[in-house]
């Protein structure tokens, strides 16, 4: 079973175009300053078999692709993660796949269980989050993280992606009064917003 902490049908701040985003639950790294730290600590998640999650993606009409985040996608059962991505590609063949991971690509590429997953990913964003290297890079949390273009899908945009310092976020309030933030906010924004919301007794989830 795949453990999903959160999913969002339409998002424009975690990759090119409009994307469906899946945040998988759980990460053993616990990087200092990680924006998803609270989400990973809570035991709140849904379980899906690959077909269920693929059907959810298929119903999100008009998206350019999907983005996998977390948590740590590669700490999910890798055979099920690969099956999910294979089903997505079969259902809607032109969807792109971006995936965040704390592992290094070179490390994953040596692991037999990771190869079937990597085969379905267009762009891998790898590396642990380092708070002292957070300089505002678009779609990356810190400068050590790299884009690996595993297919030709976005290869011609490599230079732009690597040199753009621009961050956008999306903020929404769910039915339970919980504030949800999607994207990669700046450190200053997180600190200021968290302090203000705590003062107002508002629960916030960064993802």
C-alpha atoms as a PDB file:
ATOM      1  CA  UNK A   1       0.000   0.000   0.000  1.00  0.00           C
ATOM      2  CA  UNK A   2       1.111   3.546  -0.744  1.00  0.00           C
ATOM      3  CA  UNK A   3       0.846   5.973   2.175  1.00  0.00           C
ATOM      4  CA  UNK A   4      -0.309   9.412   1.076  1.00  0.00           C
ATOM      5  CA  UNK A   5      -0.247  12.353   3.478  1.00  0.00           C
ATOM      6  CA  UNK A   6      -1.854  14.764   1.055  1.00  0.00           C
ATOM      7  CA  UNK A   7      -2.784  15.114  -2.581  1.00  0.00           C
ATOM      8  CA  UNK A   8      -3.845  18.087  -4.690  1.00  0.00           C
ATOM      9  CA  UNK A   9      -5.607  17.927  -8.022  1.00  0.00           C
ATOM     10  CA  UNK A  10      -4.308  21.157  -9.541  1.00  0.00           C
ATOM     11  CA  UNK A  11      -1.109  22.977  -8.574  1.00  0.00           C
ATOM     12  CA  UNK A  12       1.037  25.497 -10.469  1.00  0.00           C
ATOM     13  CA  UNK A  13       3.993  25.932  -8.119  1.00  0.00           C
ATOM     14  CA  UNK A  14       5.712  22.525  -8.034  1.00  0.00           C
ATOM     15  CA  UNK A  15       6.886  22.074 -11.586  1.00  0.00           C
ATOM     16  CA  UNK A  16       5.970  23.284 -15.065  1.00  0.00           C
ATOM     17  CA  UNK A  17       2.344  23.833 -15.999  1.00  0.00           C
ATOM     18  CA  UNK A  18      -0.626  22.677 -13.967  1.00  0.00           C
ATOM     19  CA  UNK A  19       0.182  19.505 -12.065  1.00  0.00           C
ATOM     20  CA  UNK A  20      -1.400  17.021  -9.693  1.00  0.00           C
ATOM     21  CA  UNK A  21       0.762  16.657  -6.587  1.00  0.00           C
ATOM     22  CA  UNK A  22       1.088  13.704  -4.235  1.00  0.00           C
ATOM     23  CA  UNK A  23       2.869  14.073  -0.911  1.00  0.00           C
ATOM     24  CA  UNK A  24       3.817  10.642   0.398  1.00  0.00           C
ATOM     25  CA  UNK A  25       3.908  10.127   4.136  1.00  0.00           C
ATOM     26  CA  UNK A  26       7.096   9.446   6.027  1.00  0.00           C
ATOM     27  CA  UNK A  27      10.766  10.364   5.797  1.00  0.00           C
ATOM     28  CA  UNK A  28      13.612   9.101   7.946  1.00  0.00           C
ATOM     29  CA  UNK A  29      15.986  11.966   7.172  1.00  0.00           C
ATOM     30  CA  UNK A  30      14.406  14.716   9.298  1.00  0.00           C
ATOM     31  CA  UNK A  31      16.478  17.481   7.690  1.00  0.00           C
ATOM     32  CA  UNK A  32      16.653  20.595   9.911  1.00  0.00           C
ATOM     33  CA  UNK A  33      14.299  23.255   8.595  1.00  0.00           C
ATOM     34  CA  UNK A  34      12.382  20.880   6.306  1.00  0.00           C
ATOM     35  CA  UNK A  35       9.054  22.475   5.329  1.00  0.00           C
ATOM     36  CA  UNK A  36       7.291  19.099   5.491  1.00  0.00           C
ATOM     37  CA  UNK A  37       8.584  18.167   8.920  1.00  0.00           C
ATOM     38  CA  UNK A  38       5.258  18.538  10.683  1.00  0.00           C
ATOM     39  CA  UNK A  39       3.432  16.542   8.037  1.00  0.00           C
ATOM     40  CA  UNK A  40       5.893  13.668   8.344  1.00  0.00           C
ATOM     41  CA  UNK A  41       5.670  13.565  12.120  1.00  0.00           C
ATOM     42  CA  UNK A  42       1.897  13.189  12.155  1.00  0.00           C
ATOM     43  CA  UNK A  43       0.376   9.748  11.660  1.00  0.00           C
ATOM     44  CA  UNK A  44      -2.247  11.163   9.308  1.00  0.00           C
ATOM     45  CA  UNK A  45      -2.342   9.546   5.895  1.00  0.00           C
ATOM     46  CA  UNK A  46      -4.505   7.583   3.484  1.00  0.00           C
ATOM     47  CA  UNK A  47      -3.546   4.257   1.934  1.00  0.00           C
ATOM     48  CA  UNK A  48      -3.957   3.495  -1.759  1.00  0.00           C
ATOM     49  CA  UNK A  49      -3.238   0.606  -4.047  1.00  0.00           C
ATOM     50  CA  UNK A  50      -1.499   1.723  -7.274  1.00  0.00           C
ATOM     51  CA  UNK A  51      -4.669   1.469  -9.384  1.00  0.00           C
ATOM     52  CA  UNK A  52      -6.652   3.716  -7.016  1.00  0.00           C
ATOM     53  CA  UNK A  53      -4.023   6.431  -7.097  1.00  0.00           C
ATOM     54  CA  UNK A  54      -3.663   6.155 -10.878  1.00  0.00           C
ATOM     55  CA  UNK A  55      -7.443   6.520 -11.275  1.00  0.00           C
ATOM     56  CA  UNK A  56      -7.324   9.691  -9.188  1.00  0.00           C
ATOM     57  CA  UNK A  57      -4.667  11.142 -11.489  1.00  0.00           C
ATOM     58  CA  UNK A  58      -6.617  10.141 -14.610  1.00  0.00           C
ATOM     59  CA  UNK A  59      -9.657  12.091 -13.414  1.00  0.00           C
ATOM     60  CA  UNK A  60      -7.696  15.350 -13.099  1.00  0.00           C
ATOM     61  CA  UNK A  61      -8.418  16.618 -16.593  1.00  0.00           C
ATOM     62  CA  UNK A  62      -6.093  19.219 -18.111  1.00  0.00           C
ATOM     63  CA  UNK A  63      -2.926  18.634 -16.083  1.00  0.00           C
ATOM     64  CA  UNK A  64       0.526  18.616 -17.685  1.00  0.00           C
ATOM     65  CA  UNK A  65       1.842  16.035 -15.290  1.00  0.00           C
ATOM     66  CA  UNK A  66       2.250  14.887 -11.720  1.00  0.00           C
ATOM     67  CA  UNK A  67       4.748  15.810  -9.017  1.00  0.00           C
ATOM     68  CA  UNK A  68       5.753  13.348  -6.291  1.00  0.00           C
ATOM     69  CA  UNK A  69       6.935  14.787  -3.006  1.00  0.00           C
ATOM     70  CA  UNK A  70       6.749  14.002   0.653  1.00  0.00           C
ATOM     71  CA  UNK A  71       7.930  12.707   2.813  1.00  0.00           C
ATOM     72  CA  UNK A  72      10.201  10.518   0.767  1.00  0.00           C
ATOM     73  CA  UNK A  73       8.666   8.804  -2.281  1.00  0.00           C
ATOM     74  CA  UNK A  74      11.455   6.220  -2.410  1.00  0.00           C
ATOM     75  CA  UNK A  75      10.652   5.062   1.127  1.00  0.00           C
ATOM     76  CA  UNK A  76       7.322   3.790  -0.160  1.00  0.00           C
ATOM     77  CA  UNK A  77       7.154   0.181  -1.424  1.00  0.00           C
ATOM     78  CA  UNK A  78       9.095   0.672  -4.632  1.00  0.00           C
ATOM     79  CA  UNK A  79       7.341  -2.056  -6.592  1.00  0.00           C
ATOM     80  CA  UNK A  80       3.994  -0.392  -5.874  1.00  0.00           C
ATOM     81  CA  UNK A  81       5.365   3.062  -6.666  1.00  0.00           C
ATOM     82  CA  UNK A  82       6.630   1.768 -10.014  1.00  0.00           C
ATOM     83  CA  UNK A  83       3.285   0.091 -10.711  1.00  0.00           C
ATOM     84  CA  UNK A  84       1.457   3.344  -9.979  1.00  0.00           C
ATOM     85  CA  UNK A  85       3.664   5.337 -12.370  1.00  0.00           C
ATOM     86  CA  UNK A  86       3.346   2.684 -15.068  1.00  0.00           C
ATOM     87  CA  UNK A  87      -0.448   2.850 -14.797  1.00  0.00           C
ATOM     88  CA  UNK A  88      -0.361   6.650 -14.985  1.00  0.00           C
ATOM     89  CA  UNK A  89       1.721   6.542 -18.164  1.00  0.00           C
ATOM     90  CA  UNK A  90      -0.607   3.936 -19.659  1.00  0.00           C
ATOM     91  CA  UNK A  91      -3.739   5.926 -18.858  1.00  0.00           C
ATOM     92  CA  UNK A  92      -2.517   9.324 -20.053  1.00  0.00           C
ATOM     93  CA  UNK A  93       0.595   8.873 -22.158  1.00  0.00           C
ATOM     94  CA  UNK A  94       1.575  12.555 -22.409  1.00  0.00           C
ATOM     95  CA  UNK A  95       1.755  13.259 -18.659  1.00  0.00           C
ATOM     96  CA  UNK A  96       5.165  14.170 -17.262  1.00  0.00           C
ATOM     97  CA  UNK A  97       6.483  13.005 -13.885  1.00  0.00           C
ATOM     98  CA  UNK A  98       8.627  15.087 -11.521  1.00  0.00           C
ATOM     99  CA  UNK A  99       9.872  13.526  -8.318  1.00  0.00           C
ATOM    100  CA  UNK A 100      11.561  14.968  -5.235  1.00  0.00           C
ATOM    101  CA  UNK A 101      13.867  12.729  -3.237  1.00  0.00           C
ATOM    102  CA  UNK A 102      16.446  13.091  -0.499  1.00  0.00           C
ATOM    103  CA  UNK A 103      18.505  10.329  -2.110  1.00  0.00           C
ATOM    104  CA  UNK A 104      21.149  11.176  -4.681  1.00  0.00           C
ATOM    105  CA  UNK A 105      20.404  10.030  -8.232  1.00  0.00           C
ATOM    106  CA  UNK A 106      23.738   8.206  -8.403  1.00  0.00           C
ATOM    107  CA  UNK A 107      22.773   6.294  -5.264  1.00  0.00           C
ATOM    108  CA  UNK A 108      19.332   5.328  -6.555  1.00  0.00           C
ATOM    109  CA  UNK A 109      20.693   4.335  -9.955  1.00  0.00           C
ATOM    110  CA  UNK A 110      22.750   1.612  -8.253  1.00  0.00           C
ATOM    111  CA  UNK A 111      19.748   0.152  -6.428  1.00  0.00           C
ATOM    112  CA  UNK A 112      17.906  -2.526  -8.375  1.00  0.00           C
ATOM    113  CA  UNK A 113      14.593  -1.766  -6.654  1.00  0.00           C
ATOM    114  CA  UNK A 114      14.748   1.895  -7.715  1.00  0.00           C
ATOM    115  CA  UNK A 115      15.338   1.339 -11.447  1.00  0.00           C
ATOM    116  CA  UNK A 116      11.694   0.511 -12.344  1.00  0.00           C
ATOM    117  CA  UNK A 117      10.629   3.746 -10.624  1.00  0.00           C
ATOM    118  CA  UNK A 118      13.280   5.892 -12.293  1.00  0.00           C
ATOM    119  CA  UNK A 119      12.233   4.560 -15.708  1.00  0.00           C
ATOM    120  CA  UNK A 120       8.933   6.450 -15.403  1.00  0.00           C
ATOM    121  CA  UNK A 121      10.332   9.772 -14.110  1.00  0.00           C
ATOM    122  CA  UNK A 122      11.085  12.678 -16.451  1.00  0.00           C
ATOM    123  CA  UNK A 123      12.849  14.910 -13.925  1.00  0.00           C
ATOM    124  CA  UNK A 124      14.303  13.853 -10.574  1.00  0.00           C
ATOM    125  CA  UNK A 125      15.086  16.587  -8.034  1.00  0.00           C
ATOM    126  CA  UNK A 126      17.527  14.982  -5.646  1.00  0.00           C
ATOM    127  CA  UNK A 127      19.403  15.702  -2.450  1.00  0.00           C
ATOM    128  CA  UNK A 128      18.590  16.385   1.175  1.00  0.00           C
ATOM    129  CA  UNK A 129      17.420  19.827   2.243  1.00  0.00           C
ATOM    130  CA  UNK A 130      20.193  22.081   3.605  1.00  0.00           C
ATOM    131  CA  UNK A 131      18.884  25.162   5.318  1.00  0.00           C
ATOM    132  CA  UNK A 132      22.167  27.094   4.921  1.00  0.00           C
ATOM    133  CA  UNK A 133      22.005  26.623   1.127  1.00  0.00           C
ATOM    134  CA  UNK A 134      18.423  27.847   0.742  1.00  0.00           C
ATOM    135  CA  UNK A 135      18.903  30.789  -1.629  1.00  0.00           C
ATOM    136  CA  UNK A 136      15.468  30.935  -3.260  1.00  0.00           C
ATOM    137  CA  UNK A 137      15.962  28.536  -6.160  1.00  0.00           C
ATOM    138  CA  UNK A 138      12.807  27.792  -8.152  1.00  0.00           C
ATOM    139  CA  UNK A 139      11.344  24.339  -7.396  1.00  0.00           C
ATOM    140  CA  UNK A 140      14.331  23.470  -5.183  1.00  0.00           C
ATOM    141  CA  UNK A 141      14.707  23.852  -1.452  1.00  0.00           C
ATOM    142  CA  UNK A 142      18.483  24.293  -1.389  1.00  0.00           C
ATOM    143  CA  UNK A 143      21.371  24.758  -3.801  1.00  0.00           C
ATOM    144  CA  UNK A 144      22.792  21.262  -3.356  1.00  0.00           C
ATOM    145  CA  UNK A 145      19.643  19.770  -4.856  1.00  0.00           C
ATOM    146  CA  UNK A 146      19.914  19.084  -8.580  1.00  0.00           C
ATOM    147  CA  UNK A 147      17.616  18.565 -11.549  1.00  0.00           C
ATOM    148  CA  UNK A 148      18.268  15.273 -13.337  1.00  0.00           C
ATOM    149  CA  UNK A 149      16.572  15.201 -16.731  1.00  0.00           C
ATOM    150  CA  UNK A 150      16.001  11.483 -17.202  1.00  0.00           C
ATOM    151  CA  UNK A 151      14.086  11.930 -20.471  1.00  0.00           C
ATOM    152  CA  UNK A 152      14.071  14.567 -23.213  1.00  0.00           C
ATOM    153  CA  UNK A 153      10.759  16.037 -21.995  1.00  0.00           C
ATOM    154  CA  UNK A 154      12.209  19.209 -20.422  1.00  0.00           C
ATOM    155  CA  UNK A 155      15.880  18.844 -21.330  1.00  0.00           C
ATOM    156  CA  UNK A 156      15.841  21.977 -23.509  1.00  0.00           C
ATOM    157  CA  UNK A 157      14.828  24.024 -20.436  1.00  0.00           C
ATOM    158  CA  UNK A 158      17.723  22.827 -18.258  1.00  0.00           C
ATOM    159  CA  UNK A 159      19.607  26.119 -18.249  1.00  0.00           C
ATOM    160  CA  UNK A 160      16.502  28.128 -17.322  1.00  0.00           C
ATOM    161  CA  UNK A 161      15.536  25.770 -14.521  1.00  0.00           C
ATOM    162  CA  UNK A 162      19.018  25.809 -13.020  1.00  0.00           C
ATOM    163  CA  UNK A 163      19.384  29.591 -12.950  1.00  0.00           C
ATOM    164  CA  UNK A 164      15.917  30.860 -12.052  1.00  0.00           C
ATOM    165  CA  UNK A 165      15.589  32.420  -8.599  1.00  0.00           C
ATOM    166  CA  UNK A 166      11.846  32.649  -8.263  1.00  0.00           C
ATOM    167  CA  UNK A 167       9.462  31.032  -5.845  1.00  0.00           C
ATOM    168  CA  UNK A 168       5.701  30.948  -5.792  1.00  0.00           C
ATOM    169  CA  UNK A 169       3.342  29.342  -3.329  1.00  0.00           C
ATOM    170  CA  UNK A 170      -0.348  28.499  -3.173  1.00  0.00           C
ATOM    171  CA  UNK A 171      -2.334  28.929   0.036  1.00  0.00           C
ATOM    172  CA  UNK A 172      -5.711  27.377   0.743  1.00  0.00           C
ATOM    173  CA  UNK A 173      -7.930  26.707   3.727  1.00  0.00           C
ATOM    174  CA  UNK A 174      -9.444  23.240   3.981  1.00  0.00           C
ATOM    175  CA  UNK A 175     -12.879  22.322   5.328  1.00  0.00           C
ATOM    176  CA  UNK A 176     -11.419  21.735   8.794  1.00  0.00           C
ATOM    177  CA  UNK A 177      -9.929  25.211   9.016  1.00  0.00           C
ATOM    178  CA  UNK A 178      -6.391  24.000   8.350  1.00  0.00           C
ATOM    179  CA  UNK A 179      -4.139  26.279   6.291  1.00  0.00           C
ATOM    180  CA  UNK A 180      -2.377  24.375   3.504  1.00  0.00           C
ATOM    181  CA  UNK A 181       0.626  25.778   1.659  1.00  0.00           C
ATOM    182  CA  UNK A 182       1.950  24.243  -1.544  1.00  0.00           C
ATOM    183  CA  UNK A 183       5.290  25.102  -3.112  1.00  0.00           C
ATOM    184  CA  UNK A 184       8.714  25.991  -1.757  1.00  0.00           C
ATOM    185  CA  UNK A 185       8.375  29.118   0.399  1.00  0.00           C
ATOM    186  CA  UNK A 186      11.360  31.129   1.548  1.00  0.00           C
ATOM    187  CA  UNK A 187      12.794  30.634   5.029  1.00  0.00           C
ATOM    188  CA  UNK A 188      11.836  34.159   6.089  1.00  0.00           C
ATOM    189  CA  UNK A 189       8.282  33.659   4.899  1.00  0.00           C
ATOM    190  CA  UNK A 190       7.912  30.425   6.853  1.00  0.00           C
ATOM    191  CA  UNK A 191       9.264  31.919  10.062  1.00  0.00           C
ATOM    192  CA  UNK A 192       7.144  35.058   9.884  1.00  0.00           C
ATOM    193  CA  UNK A 193       3.966  33.262   8.904  1.00  0.00           C
ATOM    194  CA  UNK A 194       4.406  30.520  11.498  1.00  0.00           C
ATOM    195  CA  UNK A 195       4.899  33.039  14.291  1.00  0.00           C
ATOM    196  CA  UNK A 196       1.860  35.052  13.258  1.00  0.00           C
ATOM    197  CA  UNK A 197      -0.372  32.007  12.881  1.00  0.00           C
ATOM    198  CA  UNK A 198       0.724  30.549  16.198  1.00  0.00           C
ATOM    199  CA  UNK A 199      -0.173  33.864  17.782  1.00  0.00           C
ATOM    200  CA  UNK A 200      -3.637  33.489  16.266  1.00  0.00           C
ATOM    201  CA  UNK A 201      -3.848  29.762  17.171  1.00  0.00           C
ATOM    202  CA  UNK A 202      -4.062  28.642  13.510  1.00  0.00           C
ATOM    203  CA  UNK A 203      -2.736  25.216  12.454  1.00  0.00           C
ATOM    204  CA  UNK A 204      -0.567  25.326   9.335  1.00  0.00           C
ATOM    205  CA  UNK A 205       0.682  22.526   7.071  1.00  0.00           C
ATOM    206  CA  UNK A 206       3.676  23.227   4.808  1.00  0.00           C
ATOM    207  CA  UNK A 207       4.104  20.780   1.931  1.00  0.00           C
END
